[in-house]
């Protein structure tokens, strides 16, 4: 099956992608729609929701550490599909 999108987030370097993750999740927390952001950024909405879920899981278990630690490629590599309803 061939993808219809012409953009691909995998083409971004790690720092740019990490920054994109952080800013996207912040915009969602500020009230923007994940679906609208996914469309505007040319990303799959499941990707946006995966980032958001990883942020929630990080926040719930966070006692210390870097503010953007959840957004690194290493942290997302083990992201599972848990859905967390509450957020800060």
PDB file of N, CA and C in Angstrom:
ATOM      1  N   UNK A   1       0.836  -1.169   0.000  1.00  0.00           N
ATOM      2  CA  UNK A   1       0.000   0.000   0.000  1.00  0.00           C
ATOM      3  C   UNK A   1       0.887   1.240   0.000  1.00  0.00           C
ATOM      4  N   UNK A   2       0.624   2.149  -0.883  1.00  0.00           N
ATOM      5  CA  UNK A   2       1.425   3.351  -1.008  1.00  0.00           C
ATOM      6  C   UNK A   2       0.774   4.501  -0.241  1.00  0.00           C
ATOM      7  N   UNK A   3       1.603   5.246   0.481  1.00  0.00           N
ATOM      8  CA  UNK A   3       1.127   6.381   1.257  1.00  0.00           C
ATOM      9  C   UNK A   3       0.787   7.550   0.340  1.00  0.00           C
ATOM     10  N   UNK A   4      -0.299   8.244   0.646  1.00  0.00           N
ATOM     11  CA  UNK A   4      -0.736   9.374  -0.176  1.00  0.00           C
ATOM     12  C   UNK A   4      -0.058  10.677   0.225  1.00  0.00           C
ATOM     13  N   UNK A   5       0.573  10.708   1.378  1.00  0.00           N
ATOM     14  CA  UNK A   5       1.202  11.935   1.853  1.00  0.00           C
ATOM     15  C   UNK A   5       2.506  12.210   1.113  1.00  0.00           C
ATOM     16  N   UNK A   6       2.777  13.489   0.882  1.00  0.00           N
ATOM     17  CA  UNK A   6       4.025  13.877   0.233  1.00  0.00           C
ATOM     18  C   UNK A   6       5.080  14.264   1.257  1.00  0.00           C
ATOM     19  N   UNK A   7       4.655  14.510   2.507  1.00  0.00           N
ATOM     20  CA  UNK A   7       5.589  14.852   3.570  1.00  0.00           C
ATOM     21  C   UNK A   7       5.807  13.631   4.449  1.00  0.00           C
ATOM     22  N   UNK A   8       6.940  13.608   5.117  1.00  0.00           N
ATOM     23  CA  UNK A   8       7.268  12.469   5.955  1.00  0.00           C
ATOM     24  C   UNK A   8       8.134  12.954   7.110  1.00  0.00           C
ATOM     25  N   UNK A   9       7.626  12.838   8.338  1.00  0.00           N
ATOM     26  CA  UNK A   9       8.354  13.280   9.508  1.00  0.00           C
ATOM     27  C   UNK A   9       9.661  12.542   9.721  1.00  0.00           C
ATOM     28  N   UNK A  10       9.810  11.361   9.128  1.00  0.00           N
ATOM     29  CA  UNK A  10      11.047  10.597   9.294  1.00  0.00           C
ATOM     30  C   UNK A  10      12.220  11.244   8.585  1.00  0.00           C
ATOM     31  N   UNK A  11      11.950  12.189   7.706  1.00  0.00           N
ATOM     32  CA  UNK A  11      13.023  12.870   6.980  1.00  0.00           C
ATOM     33  C   UNK A  11      13.670  13.987   7.801  1.00  0.00           C
ATOM     34  N   UNK A  12      13.070  14.325   8.951  1.00  0.00           N
ATOM     35  CA  UNK A  12      13.615  15.368   9.810  1.00  0.00           C
ATOM     36  C   UNK A  12      14.729  14.804  10.685  1.00  0.00           C
ATOM     37  N   UNK A  13      15.708  15.671  11.033  1.00  0.00           N
ATOM     38  CA  UNK A  13      16.757  15.203  11.944  1.00  0.00           C
ATOM     39  C   UNK A  13      16.170  15.084  13.354  1.00  0.00           C
ATOM     40  N   UNK A  14      16.902  14.426  14.241  1.00  0.00           N
ATOM     41  CA  UNK A  14      16.377  14.109  15.572  1.00  0.00           C
ATOM     42  C   UNK A  14      16.016  15.351  16.376  1.00  0.00           C
ATOM     43  N   UNK A  15      16.860  16.368  16.343  1.00  0.00           N
ATOM     44  CA  UNK A  15      16.585  17.589  17.117  1.00  0.00           C
ATOM     45  C   UNK A  15      15.335  18.296  16.598  1.00  0.00           C
ATOM     46  N   UNK A  16      15.183  18.373  15.284  1.00  0.00           N
ATOM     47  CA  UNK A  16      14.013  19.029  14.704  1.00  0.00           C
ATOM     48  C   UNK A  16      12.746  18.252  15.040  1.00  0.00           C
ATOM     49  N   UNK A  17      12.809  16.934  14.982  1.00  0.00           N
ATOM     50  CA  UNK A  17      11.648  16.110  15.291  1.00  0.00           C
ATOM     51  C   UNK A  17      11.281  16.205  16.772  1.00  0.00           C
ATOM     52  N   UNK A  18      12.288  16.240  17.633  1.00  0.00           N
ATOM     53  CA  UNK A  18      12.035  16.387  19.063  1.00  0.00           C
ATOM     54  C   UNK A  18      11.358  17.730  19.341  1.00  0.00           C
ATOM     55  N   UNK A  19      11.834  18.777  18.709  1.00  0.00           N
ATOM     56  CA  UNK A  19      11.230  20.103  18.866  1.00  0.00           C
ATOM     57  C   UNK A  19       9.790  20.110  18.348  1.00  0.00           C
ATOM     58  N   UNK A  20       9.562  19.447  17.218  1.00  0.00           N
ATOM     59  CA  UNK A  20       8.222  19.348  16.658  1.00  0.00           C
ATOM     60  C   UNK A  20       7.282  18.633  17.620  1.00  0.00           C
ATOM     61  N   UNK A  21       7.754  17.556  18.240  1.00  0.00           N
ATOM     62  CA  UNK A  21       6.939  16.817  19.206  1.00  0.00           C
ATOM     63  C   UNK A  21       6.540  17.703  20.381  1.00  0.00           C
ATOM     64  N   UNK A  22       7.520  18.407  20.936  1.00  0.00           N
ATOM     65  CA  UNK A  22       7.269  19.251  22.101  1.00  0.00           C
ATOM     66  C   UNK A  22       6.283  20.361  21.765  1.00  0.00           C
ATOM     67  N   UNK A  23       6.506  21.048  20.663  1.00  0.00           N
ATOM     68  CA  UNK A  23       5.622  22.154  20.294  1.00  0.00           C
ATOM     69  C   UNK A  23       4.216  21.674  19.926  1.00  0.00           C
ATOM     70  N   UNK A  24       4.128  20.528  19.282  1.00  0.00           N
ATOM     71  CA  UNK A  24       2.819  19.991  18.904  1.00  0.00           C
ATOM     72  C   UNK A  24       2.009  19.619  20.133  1.00  0.00           C
ATOM     73  N   UNK A  25       2.617  18.920  21.072  1.00  0.00           N
ATOM     74  CA  UNK A  25       1.909  18.535  22.294  1.00  0.00           C
ATOM     75  C   UNK A  25       1.515  19.782  23.081  1.00  0.00           C
ATOM     76  N   UNK A  26       2.383  20.780  23.139  1.00  0.00           N
ATOM     77  CA  UNK A  26       2.044  22.009  23.858  1.00  0.00           C
ATOM     78  C   UNK A  26       0.835  22.690  23.217  1.00  0.00           C
ATOM     79  N   UNK A  27       0.778  22.702  21.903  1.00  0.00           N
ATOM     80  CA  UNK A  27      -0.362  23.313  21.216  1.00  0.00           C
ATOM     81  C   UNK A  27      -1.658  22.552  21.510  1.00  0.00           C
ATOM     82  N   UNK A  28      -1.575  21.233  21.609  1.00  0.00           N
ATOM     83  CA  UNK A  28      -2.754  20.432  21.950  1.00  0.00           C
ATOM     84  C   UNK A  28      -3.195  20.744  23.377  1.00  0.00           C
ATOM     85  N   UNK A  29      -2.243  20.821  24.295  1.00  0.00           N
ATOM     86  CA  UNK A  29      -2.561  21.145  25.682  1.00  0.00           C
ATOM     87  C   UNK A  29      -3.146  22.548  25.807  1.00  0.00           C
ATOM     88  N   UNK A  30      -2.806  23.420  24.856  1.00  0.00           N
ATOM     89  CA  UNK A  30      -3.357  24.780  24.830  1.00  0.00           C
ATOM     90  C   UNK A  30      -4.727  24.841  24.166  1.00  0.00           C
ATOM     91  N   UNK A  31      -5.216  23.692  23.660  1.00  0.00           N
ATOM     92  CA  UNK A  31      -6.580  23.636  23.159  1.00  0.00           C
ATOM     93  C   UNK A  31      -6.768  23.373  21.674  1.00  0.00           C
ATOM     94  N   UNK A  32      -5.687  23.235  20.927  1.00  0.00           N
ATOM     95  CA  UNK A  32      -5.846  22.959  19.497  1.00  0.00           C
ATOM     96  C   UNK A  32      -6.198  21.489  19.272  1.00  0.00           C
ATOM     97  N   UNK A  33      -6.852  21.215  18.173  1.00  0.00           N
ATOM     98  CA  UNK A  33      -7.280  19.864  17.839  1.00  0.00           C
ATOM     99  C   UNK A  33      -6.115  19.036  17.285  1.00  0.00           C
ATOM    100  N   UNK A  34      -5.916  17.815  17.814  1.00  0.00           N
ATOM    101  CA  UNK A  34      -4.865  16.950  17.271  1.00  0.00           C
ATOM    102  C   UNK A  34      -5.066  16.644  15.780  1.00  0.00           C
ATOM    103  N   UNK A  35      -6.324  16.473  15.372  1.00  0.00           N
ATOM    104  CA  UNK A  35      -6.598  16.172  13.965  1.00  0.00           C
ATOM    105  C   UNK A  35      -6.217  17.344  13.059  1.00  0.00           C
ATOM    106  N   UNK A  36      -6.538  18.560  13.499  1.00  0.00           N
ATOM    107  CA  UNK A  36      -6.208  19.751  12.710  1.00  0.00           C
ATOM    108  C   UNK A  36      -4.700  19.919  12.630  1.00  0.00           C
ATOM    109  N   UNK A  37      -4.006  19.713  13.749  1.00  0.00           N
ATOM    110  CA  UNK A  37      -2.550  19.823  13.746  1.00  0.00           C
ATOM    111  C   UNK A  37      -1.913  18.760  12.859  1.00  0.00           C
ATOM    112  N   UNK A  38      -2.424  17.535  12.921  1.00  0.00           N
ATOM    113  CA  UNK A  38      -1.887  16.460  12.085  1.00  0.00           C
ATOM    114  C   UNK A  38      -2.004  16.827  10.606  1.00  0.00           C
ATOM    115  N   UNK A  39      -3.158  17.329  10.232  1.00  0.00           N
ATOM    116  CA  UNK A  39      -3.378  17.724   8.839  1.00  0.00           C
ATOM    117  C   UNK A  39      -2.448  18.867   8.446  1.00  0.00           C
ATOM    118  N   UNK A  40      -2.336  19.869   9.318  1.00  0.00           N
ATOM    119  CA  UNK A  40      -1.505  21.042   9.023  1.00  0.00           C
ATOM    120  C   UNK A  40      -0.024  20.676   8.921  1.00  0.00           C
ATOM    121  N   UNK A  41       0.414  19.727   9.741  1.00  0.00           N
ATOM    122  CA  UNK A  41       1.822  19.339   9.745  1.00  0.00           C
ATOM    123  C   UNK A  41       2.127  18.230   8.744  1.00  0.00           C
ATOM    124  N   UNK A  42       1.100  17.658   8.154  1.00  0.00           N
ATOM    125  CA  UNK A  42       1.308  16.580   7.191  1.00  0.00           C
ATOM    126  C   UNK A  42       1.703  15.275   7.846  1.00  0.00           C
ATOM    127  N   UNK A  43       1.224  15.067   9.068  1.00  0.00           N
ATOM    128  CA  UNK A  43       1.535  13.843   9.809  1.00  0.00           C
ATOM    129  C   UNK A  43       0.270  13.029  10.019  1.00  0.00           C
ATOM    130  N   UNK A  44       0.448  11.756  10.261  1.00  0.00           N
ATOM    131  CA  UNK A  44      -0.672  10.880  10.560  1.00  0.00           C
ATOM    132  C   UNK A  44      -1.196  11.224  11.950  1.00  0.00           C
ATOM    133  N   UNK A  45      -2.508  11.257  12.113  1.00  0.00           N
ATOM    134  CA  UNK A  45      -3.060  11.630  13.419  1.00  0.00           C
ATOM    135  C   UNK A  45      -2.694  10.611  14.489  1.00  0.00           C
ATOM    136  N   UNK A  46      -2.484   9.362  14.124  1.00  0.00           N
ATOM    137  CA  UNK A  46      -2.066   8.356  15.101  1.00  0.00           C
ATOM    138  C   UNK A  46      -0.686   8.711  15.674  1.00  0.00           C
ATOM    139  N   UNK A  47       0.161   9.311  14.870  1.00  0.00           N
ATOM    140  CA  UNK A  47       1.470   9.748  15.337  1.00  0.00           C
ATOM    141  C   UNK A  47       1.313  10.824  16.398  1.00  0.00           C
ATOM    142  N   UNK A  48       0.433  11.781  16.142  1.00  0.00           N
ATOM    143  CA  UNK A  48       0.183  12.861  17.097  1.00  0.00           C
ATOM    144  C   UNK A  48      -0.349  12.286  18.409  1.00  0.00           C
ATOM    145  N   UNK A  49      -1.304  11.359  18.320  1.00  0.00           N
ATOM    146  CA  UNK A  49      -1.864  10.762  19.530  1.00  0.00           C
ATOM    147  C   UNK A  49      -0.826   9.920  20.266  1.00  0.00           C
ATOM    148  N   UNK A  50       0.088   9.277  19.560  1.00  0.00           N
ATOM    149  CA  UNK A  50       1.160   8.510  20.201  1.00  0.00           C
ATOM    150  C   UNK A  50       2.065   9.455  21.003  1.00  0.00           C
ATOM    151  N   UNK A  51       2.409  10.616  20.407  1.00  0.00           N
ATOM    152  CA  UNK A  51       3.214  11.603  21.129  1.00  0.00           C
ATOM    153  C   UNK A  51       2.475  12.094  22.365  1.00  0.00           C
ATOM    154  N   UNK A  52       1.191  12.361  22.224  1.00  0.00           N
ATOM    155  CA  UNK A  52       0.388  12.871  23.331  1.00  0.00           C
ATOM    156  C   UNK A  52       0.290  11.835  24.458  1.00  0.00           C
ATOM    157  N   UNK A  53       0.069  10.584  24.101  1.00  0.00           N
ATOM    158  CA  UNK A  53       0.010   9.515  25.104  1.00  0.00           C
ATOM    159  C   UNK A  53       1.339   9.352  25.816  1.00  0.00           C
ATOM    160  N   UNK A  54       2.442   9.429  25.064  1.00  0.00           N
ATOM    161  CA  UNK A  54       3.768   9.304  25.673  1.00  0.00           C
ATOM    162  C   UNK A  54       4.009  10.456  26.642  1.00  0.00           C
ATOM    163  N   UNK A  55       3.574  11.654  26.275  1.00  0.00           N
ATOM    164  CA  UNK A  55       3.697  12.797  27.174  1.00  0.00           C
ATOM    165  C   UNK A  55       2.908  12.549  28.461  1.00  0.00           C
ATOM    166  N   UNK A  56       1.675  12.084  28.351  1.00  0.00           N
ATOM    167  CA  UNK A  56       0.847  11.826  29.532  1.00  0.00           C
ATOM    168  C   UNK A  56       1.476  10.764  30.428  1.00  0.00           C
ATOM    169  N   UNK A  57       1.976   9.700  29.837  1.00  0.00           N
ATOM    170  CA  UNK A  57       2.604   8.652  30.632  1.00  0.00           C
ATOM    171  C   UNK A  57       3.841   9.180  31.336  1.00  0.00           C
ATOM    172  N   UNK A  58       4.619   9.994  30.645  1.00  0.00           N
ATOM    173  CA  UNK A  58       5.809  10.604  31.250  1.00  0.00           C
ATOM    174  C   UNK A  58       5.397  11.517  32.405  1.00  0.00           C
ATOM    175  N   UNK A  59       4.383  12.360  32.186  1.00  0.00           N
ATOM    176  CA  UNK A  59       3.951  13.329  33.187  1.00  0.00           C
ATOM    177  C   UNK A  59       3.435  12.634  34.438  1.00  0.00           C
ATOM    178  N   UNK A  60       2.677  11.571  34.257  1.00  0.00           N
ATOM    179  CA  UNK A  60       2.134  10.848  35.406  1.00  0.00           C
ATOM    180  C   UNK A  60       3.224  10.209  36.250  1.00  0.00           C
ATOM    181  N   UNK A  61       4.308   9.786  35.640  1.00  0.00           N
ATOM    182  CA  UNK A  61       5.382   9.130  36.376  1.00  0.00           C
ATOM    183  C   UNK A  61       6.549  10.036  36.687  1.00  0.00           C
ATOM    184  N   UNK A  62       6.448  11.321  36.351  1.00  0.00           N
ATOM    185  CA  UNK A  62       7.573  12.244  36.473  1.00  0.00           C
ATOM    186  C   UNK A  62       7.737  12.740  37.903  1.00  0.00           C
ATOM    187  N   UNK A  63       8.957  12.637  38.409  1.00  0.00           N
ATOM    188  CA  UNK A  63       9.286  13.263  39.680  1.00  0.00           C
ATOM    189  C   UNK A  63      10.453  14.220  39.487  1.00  0.00           C
ATOM    190  N   UNK A  64      11.261  13.969  38.471  1.00  0.00           N
ATOM    191  CA  UNK A  64      12.378  14.845  38.148  1.00  0.00           C
ATOM    192  C   UNK A  64      12.836  14.534  36.736  1.00  0.00           C
ATOM    193  N   UNK A  65      13.702  15.357  36.205  1.00  0.00           N
ATOM    194  CA  UNK A  65      14.234  15.114  34.868  1.00  0.00           C
ATOM    195  C   UNK A  65      13.987  16.291  33.954  1.00  0.00           C
ATOM    196  N   UNK A  66      14.449  16.147  32.727  1.00  0.00           N
ATOM    197  CA  UNK A  66      14.303  17.211  31.748  1.00  0.00           C
ATOM    198  C   UNK A  66      12.853  17.370  31.324  1.00  0.00           C
ATOM    199  N   UNK A  67      12.479  18.593  31.019  1.00  0.00           N
ATOM    200  CA  UNK A  67      11.098  18.877  30.627  1.00  0.00           C
ATOM    201  C   UNK A  67      10.715  18.160  29.343  1.00  0.00           C
ATOM    202  N   UNK A  68      11.614  18.027  28.400  1.00  0.00           N
ATOM    203  CA  UNK A  68      11.294  17.406  27.124  1.00  0.00           C
ATOM    204  C   UNK A  68      11.787  15.979  26.995  1.00  0.00           C
ATOM    205  N   UNK A  69      12.119  15.345  28.115  1.00  0.00           N
ATOM    206  CA  UNK A  69      12.697  14.001  28.071  1.00  0.00           C
ATOM    207  C   UNK A  69      11.780  12.985  27.401  1.00  0.00           C
ATOM    208  N   UNK A  70      10.491  13.166  27.502  1.00  0.00           N
ATOM    209  CA  UNK A  70       9.526  12.249  26.903  1.00  0.00           C
ATOM    210  C   UNK A  70       9.576  12.295  25.380  1.00  0.00           C
ATOM    211  N   UNK A  71      10.088  13.372  24.785  1.00  0.00           N
ATOM    212  CA  UNK A  71      10.014  13.587  23.342  1.00  0.00           C
ATOM    213  C   UNK A  71      11.219  13.052  22.583  1.00  0.00           C
ATOM    214  N   UNK A  72      12.182  12.470  23.264  1.00  0.00           N
ATOM    215  CA  UNK A  72      13.366  11.962  22.573  1.00  0.00           C
ATOM    216  C   UNK A  72      13.027  10.693  21.802  1.00  0.00           C
ATOM    217  N   UNK A  73      13.822  10.418  20.797  1.00  0.00           N
ATOM    218  CA  UNK A  73      13.607   9.217  19.984  1.00  0.00           C
ATOM    219  C   UNK A  73      13.711   7.957  20.840  1.00  0.00           C
ATOM    220  N   UNK A  74      14.632   7.957  21.804  1.00  0.00           N
ATOM    221  CA  UNK A  74      14.811   6.791  22.661  1.00  0.00           C
ATOM    222  C   UNK A  74      13.575   6.552  23.526  1.00  0.00           C
ATOM    223  N   UNK A  75      12.991   7.617  24.040  1.00  0.00           N
ATOM    224  CA  UNK A  75      11.803   7.484  24.883  1.00  0.00           C
ATOM    225  C   UNK A  75      10.609   6.999  24.081  1.00  0.00           C
ATOM    226  N   UNK A  76      10.488   7.467  22.854  1.00  0.00           N
ATOM    227  CA  UNK A  76       9.348   7.078  22.027  1.00  0.00           C
ATOM    228  C   UNK A  76       9.489   5.688  21.437  1.00  0.00           C
ATOM    229  N   UNK A  77      10.698   5.160  21.401  1.00  0.00           N
ATOM    230  CA  UNK A  77      10.913   3.839  20.817  1.00  0.00           C
ATOM    231  C   UNK A  77      10.126   2.769  21.563  1.00  0.00           C
ATOM    232  N   UNK A  78       9.921   2.959  22.860  1.00  0.00           N
ATOM    233  CA  UNK A  78       9.186   1.980  23.652  1.00  0.00           C
ATOM    234  C   UNK A  78       7.758   2.389  23.923  1.00  0.00           C
ATOM    235  N   UNK A  79       7.259   3.375  23.194  1.00  0.00           N
ATOM    236  CA  UNK A  79       5.904   3.876  23.449  1.00  0.00           C
ATOM    237  C   UNK A  79       4.873   2.790  23.193  1.00  0.00           C
ATOM    238  N   UNK A  80       4.027   2.581  24.184  1.00  0.00           N
ATOM    239  CA  UNK A  80       2.951   1.618  23.991  1.00  0.00           C
ATOM    240  C   UNK A  80       1.672   2.374  23.689  1.00  0.00           C
ATOM    241  N   UNK A  81       0.604   1.684  23.492  1.00  0.00           N
ATOM    242  CA  UNK A  81      -0.639   2.308  23.073  1.00  0.00           C
ATOM    243  C   UNK A  81      -1.584   2.669  24.205  1.00  0.00           C
ATOM    244  N   UNK A  82      -1.077   2.826  25.414  1.00  0.00           N
ATOM    245  CA  UNK A  82      -1.951   3.164  26.529  1.00  0.00           C
ATOM    246  C   UNK A  82      -2.557   4.546  26.340  1.00  0.00           C
ATOM    247  N   UNK A  83      -3.816   4.656  26.654  1.00  0.00           N
ATOM    248  CA  UNK A  83      -4.500   5.940  26.549  1.00  0.00           C
ATOM    249  C   UNK A  83      -4.713   6.483  27.957  1.00  0.00           C
ATOM    250  N   UNK A  84      -4.274   7.696  28.161  1.00  0.00           N
ATOM    251  CA  UNK A  84      -4.415   8.341  29.453  1.00  0.00           C
ATOM    252  C   UNK A  84      -5.357   9.514  29.288  1.00  0.00           C
ATOM    253  N   UNK A  85      -6.406   9.557  30.098  1.00  0.00           N
ATOM    254  CA  UNK A  85      -7.431  10.576  29.943  1.00  0.00           C
ATOM    255  C   UNK A  85      -7.067  11.918  30.555  1.00  0.00           C
ATOM    256  N   UNK A  86      -6.394  11.920  31.708  1.00  0.00           N
ATOM    257  CA  UNK A  86      -6.087  13.172  32.398  1.00  0.00           C
ATOM    258  C   UNK A  86      -4.784  13.759  31.904  1.00  0.00           C
ATOM    259  N   UNK A  87      -4.693  15.075  31.943  1.00  0.00           N
ATOM    260  CA  UNK A  87      -3.444  15.756  31.629  1.00  0.00           C
ATOM    261  C   UNK A  87      -3.345  17.001  32.484  1.00  0.00           C
ATOM    262  N   UNK A  88      -2.131  17.558  32.587  1.00  0.00           N
ATOM    263  CA  UNK A  88      -1.936  18.711  33.472  1.00  0.00           C
ATOM    264  C   UNK A  88      -2.736  19.913  33.038  1.00  0.00           C
TER     265      UNK A  88
END
